[in-house]
Protein backbone atom coordinates (compact mmCIF):
# COMPACT_ATOMS: atom_id res chain seq x y z
CA UNK A 1 -23.94 3.32 15.29
CA UNK A 2 -26.51 5.55 17.09
CA UNK A 3 -24.06 5.71 20.02
CA UNK A 4 -22.24 8.47 18.13
CA UNK A 5 -25.39 10.54 17.71
CA UNK A 6 -27.69 10.84 14.72
CA UNK A 7 -29.14 13.38 12.31
CA UNK A 8 -32.53 13.11 10.67
CA UNK A 9 -32.60 13.76 6.92
CA UNK A 10 -36.00 14.68 5.53
CA UNK A 11 -37.11 16.14 2.23
CA UNK A 12 -39.94 18.73 2.49
CA UNK A 13 -41.29 17.68 -0.92
CA UNK A 14 -41.75 14.00 -0.13
CA UNK A 15 -42.37 11.76 2.84
CA UNK A 16 -39.26 9.53 2.96
CA UNK A 17 -36.76 10.34 5.67
CA UNK A 18 -33.95 8.44 7.34
CA UNK A 19 -31.45 8.71 10.16
CA UNK A 20 -27.74 9.13 9.54
CA UNK A 21 -25.31 8.16 12.32
CA UNK A 22 -22.57 10.69 13.05
CA UNK A 23 -19.00 9.61 12.42
CA UNK A 24 -17.15 8.30 15.45
CA UNK A 25 -13.78 9.27 13.96
CA UNK A 26 -12.07 6.06 15.08
CA UNK A 27 -9.40 4.86 12.62
CA UNK A 28 -10.74 1.29 12.68
CA UNK A 29 -14.30 2.33 11.86
CA UNK A 30 -15.24 1.03 8.36
CA UNK A 31 -17.38 4.10 7.64
CA UNK A 32 -15.29 6.97 9.00
CA UNK A 33 -12.17 8.53 7.42
CA UNK A 34 -13.83 8.49 3.98
CA UNK A 35 -13.08 12.18 3.44
CA UNK A 36 -9.38 11.65 4.11
CA UNK A 37 -9.23 8.69 1.75
CA UNK A 38 -11.07 10.59 -0.99
CA UNK A 39 -8.80 13.63 -0.64
CA UNK A 40 -5.69 11.41 -0.85
CA UNK A 41 -7.04 9.66 -3.94
CA UNK A 42 -7.73 12.94 -5.73
CA UNK A 43 -4.22 14.22 -4.93
CA UNK A 44 -2.63 11.06 -6.31
CA UNK A 45 -4.76 11.10 -9.47
CA UNK A 46 -3.56 14.62 -10.23
CA UNK A 47 0.02 13.34 -10.14
CA UNK A 48 -0.56 10.67 -12.79
CA UNK A 49 1.16 11.18 -16.12
CA UNK A 50 -0.12 9.77 -19.46
CA UNK A 51 1.87 6.52 -19.37
CA UNK A 52 1.27 2.93 -18.29
CA UNK A 53 1.76 1.99 -14.64
CA UNK A 54 2.76 -1.12 -12.71
CA UNK A 55 1.71 -2.26 -9.25
CA UNK A 56 4.66 -3.89 -7.48
CA UNK A 57 3.91 -5.77 -4.25
CA UNK A 58 6.62 -6.84 -1.78
CA UNK A 59 5.41 -9.47 0.71
CA UNK A 60 7.02 -10.51 4.00
CA UNK A 61 7.29 -14.33 4.37
CA UNK A 62 5.27 -15.98 7.12
CA UNK A 63 8.42 -16.82 9.12
CA UNK A 64 8.99 -13.10 9.76
CA UNK A 65 5.45 -12.15 10.75
CA UNK A 66 5.97 -12.79 14.46
CA UNK A 67 8.95 -10.42 14.47
CA UNK A 68 6.96 -7.81 12.53
CA UNK A 69 4.04 -8.13 14.96
CA UNK A 70 6.17 -7.45 18.04
CA UNK A 71 8.40 -4.77 16.43
CA UNK A 72 5.90 -3.09 14.14
CA UNK A 73 7.30 0.44 14.03
CA UNK A 74 10.87 -0.64 13.28
CA UNK A 75 9.93 -3.42 10.89
CA UNK A 76 7.32 -1.47 8.93
CA UNK A 77 9.72 1.44 8.40
CA UNK A 78 12.41 -0.99 7.25
CA UNK A 79 9.99 -2.76 4.92
CA UNK A 80 8.99 0.49 3.23
CA UNK A 81 12.59 1.65 2.88
CA UNK A 82 13.87 -1.63 1.43
CA UNK A 83 10.99 -1.89 -1.05
CA UNK A 84 11.51 1.64 -2.40
CA UNK A 85 15.31 1.20 -2.44
CA UNK A 86 14.92 -1.98 -4.48
CA UNK A 87 12.80 -0.28 -7.14
CA UNK A 88 15.13 2.73 -7.17
CA UNK A 89 18.15 0.48 -7.71
CA UNK A 90 16.52 -1.33 -10.63
CA UNK A 91 15.55 2.00 -12.20
CA UNK A 92 19.13 3.23 -11.94
CA UNK A 93 20.40 0.06 -13.62
CA UNK A 94 17.80 0.11 -16.37
CA UNK A 95 18.39 1.23 -19.93
CA UNK A 96 17.90 4.84 -18.92
CA UNK A 97 21.49 4.89 -17.62
CA UNK A 98 21.05 6.32 -14.20
CA UNK A 99 17.35 6.95 -14.54
CA UNK A 100 15.05 7.85 -11.66
CA UNK A 101 11.50 6.58 -11.33
CA UNK A 102 8.39 7.80 -9.56
CA UNK A 103 7.01 5.78 -6.65
CA UNK A 104 3.79 5.89 -4.63
CA UNK A 105 4.04 3.40 -1.74
CA UNK A 106 1.29 2.21 0.61
CA UNK A 107 1.69 -0.24 3.50
CA UNK A 108 -0.91 -2.93 4.08
CA UNK A 109 -0.78 -5.04 7.24
CA UNK A 110 -3.61 -7.56 6.71
CA UNK A 111 -4.97 -9.88 4.06
CA UNK A 112 -8.60 -9.90 2.91
CA UNK A 113 -9.20 -12.69 5.44
CA UNK A 114 -8.00 -10.28 8.16
CA UNK A 115 -4.84 -12.32 8.81
CA UNK A 116 -1.72 -10.37 9.80
CA UNK A 117 0.04 -10.22 6.46
CA UNK A 118 2.45 -7.25 6.12
CA UNK A 119 3.19 -6.18 2.56
CA UNK A 120 3.80 -2.96 0.69
CA UNK A 121 2.32 -1.85 -2.65
CA UNK A 122 4.26 0.45 -4.98
CA UNK A 123 2.69 2.14 -7.99
CA UNK A 124 5.47 2.79 -10.51
CA UNK A 125 5.22 4.44 -13.96
CA UNK A 126 6.57 2.43 -16.89
CA UNK A 127 9.54 4.65 -17.55
CA UNK A 128 12.37 6.71 -16.10
CA UNK A 129 13.76 10.22 -16.04
CA UNK A 130 17.32 10.82 -17.18
CA UNK A 131 18.28 13.56 -14.75
CA UNK A 132 21.36 14.72 -16.61
CA UNK A 133 19.52 15.10 -19.92
CA UNK A 134 16.11 15.85 -18.37
CA UNK A 135 14.53 13.33 -20.70
CA UNK A 136 11.80 10.71 -20.27
CA UNK A 137 12.71 7.15 -21.29
CA UNK A 138 9.85 4.67 -21.67
CA UNK A 139 10.37 1.17 -20.31
CA UNK A 140 11.19 -1.31 -23.07
CA UNK A 141 9.62 -4.33 -21.39
CA UNK A 142 6.00 -5.19 -20.69
CA UNK A 143 7.01 -6.48 -17.27
CA UNK A 144 8.99 -3.43 -16.13
CA UNK A 145 11.31 -5.54 -13.91
CA UNK A 146 11.56 -9.31 -13.48
CA UNK A 147 9.77 -10.31 -10.28
CA UNK A 148 12.33 -12.97 -9.29
CA UNK A 149 15.20 -10.51 -9.55
CA UNK A 150 13.25 -7.97 -7.50
CA UNK A 151 12.58 -10.60 -4.83
CA UNK A 152 16.25 -11.59 -4.62
CA UNK A 153 17.48 -8.04 -4.08
CA UNK A 154 14.62 -7.18 -1.71
CA UNK A 155 15.32 -10.27 0.43
CA UNK A 156 18.99 -9.37 0.82
CA UNK A 157 18.24 -5.73 1.67
CA UNK A 158 15.53 -6.46 4.23
CA UNK A 159 17.48 -9.16 6.09
CA UNK A 160 20.59 -6.98 6.18
CA UNK A 161 18.67 -4.03 7.63
CA UNK A 162 16.81 -6.11 10.22
CA UNK A 163 20.04 -7.72 11.43
CA UNK A 164 21.79 -4.36 11.52
CA UNK A 165 19.08 -3.12 13.91
CA UNK A 166 19.82 -6.03 16.23
CA UNK A 167 16.46 -7.72 15.69
CA UNK A 168 16.16 -11.46 16.23
CA UNK A 169 15.69 -12.75 12.67
CA UNK A 170 14.68 -16.44 12.39
CA UNK A 171 17.27 -18.73 10.84
CA UNK A 172 14.81 -20.80 8.84
CA UNK A 173 13.69 -18.58 5.98
CA UNK A 174 12.61 -19.47 2.44
CA UNK A 175 15.24 -18.99 -0.23
CA UNK A 176 12.72 -17.44 -2.63
CA UNK A 177 10.40 -14.63 -1.59
CA UNK A 178 7.28 -13.33 -3.32
CA UNK A 179 7.26 -10.08 -5.28
CA UNK A 180 4.42 -9.42 -7.71
CA UNK A 181 4.79 -6.96 -10.58
CA UNK A 182 1.72 -6.45 -12.72
CA UNK A 183 0.52 -3.97 -15.33
CA UNK A 184 -2.35 -1.74 -14.11
CA UNK A 185 -3.04 0.45 -17.11
CA UNK A 186 -3.16 4.17 -16.41
CA UNK A 187 -2.84 3.69 -12.64
CA UNK A 188 -6.26 4.98 -11.52
CA UNK A 189 -7.68 1.55 -10.63
CA UNK A 190 -4.62 0.73 -8.51
CA UNK A 191 -4.86 4.03 -6.64
CA UNK A 192 -8.55 3.43 -5.93
CA UNK A 193 -7.75 -0.02 -4.54
CA UNK A 194 -5.02 1.32 -2.25
CA UNK A 195 -7.14 4.24 -1.01
CA UNK A 196 -9.74 1.89 0.50
CA UNK A 197 -7.44 0.82 3.33
CA UNK A 198 -5.19 3.85 3.65
CA UNK A 199 -7.07 5.65 6.46
CA UNK A 200 -9.70 3.11 7.44
CA UNK A 201 -9.38 -0.19 9.28
CA UNK A 202 -9.71 -3.60 7.66
CA UNK A 203 -13.16 -4.38 9.10
CA UNK A 204 -16.16 -4.10 6.81
CA UNK A 205 -19.60 -3.27 8.27
CA UNK A 206 -20.83 -6.85 7.70
CA UNK A 207 -17.91 -8.17 9.79
CA UNK A 208 -19.05 -6.36 12.94
CA UNK A 209 -21.08 -8.79 15.05
CA UNK A 210 -22.00 -6.53 17.97
CA UNK A 211 -21.19 -3.24 19.69
CA UNK A 212 -21.02 -3.50 23.48
CA UNK A 213 -20.49 -0.18 25.27
CA UNK A 214 -18.42 1.14 22.40
CA UNK A 215 -16.04 -1.86 22.28
């Protein structure tokens, strides 16, 4: 908004000119942090290898959201660790015989409707590295890993870690959790999607109703 100061852009060869508001720098601003997001995206694109990629999403059930809201630092760290450990375990048990896989993980805390909805996205290449033989092994399945098996292992890991930290885990929890594993081609589109919310808040400009004294 103009509260952050403005610059006038004007072309000497034509009449049109317009004002550009300076960035406020606040992490929840929908317009700021674009440079950081763009730089992250370019770094991740340079890491891509010429193989197919999968986007694996681990979602926390609604019964745990209250706990995650009140213990965000502990719970978010545990969520990220358990999600990456689950994928790592499946890679080690895959046909690569002890293979290791690449992972790019990004935490999201809200849904598109702005509801508190903690989940983590992992971009995983469709293959593994055999460390002992230094050889690349392509995944033999179009689904990489079965989503129900991923959900079962992830559920056990997350509940074990939360209880080990002494957190008050609700007793009534669903037996089946949601893990989505989908093919995303070369990976660029998935990275672009994740970069939108990596440094910026979840509010879009059209969602801002008013600005009263900077609040």
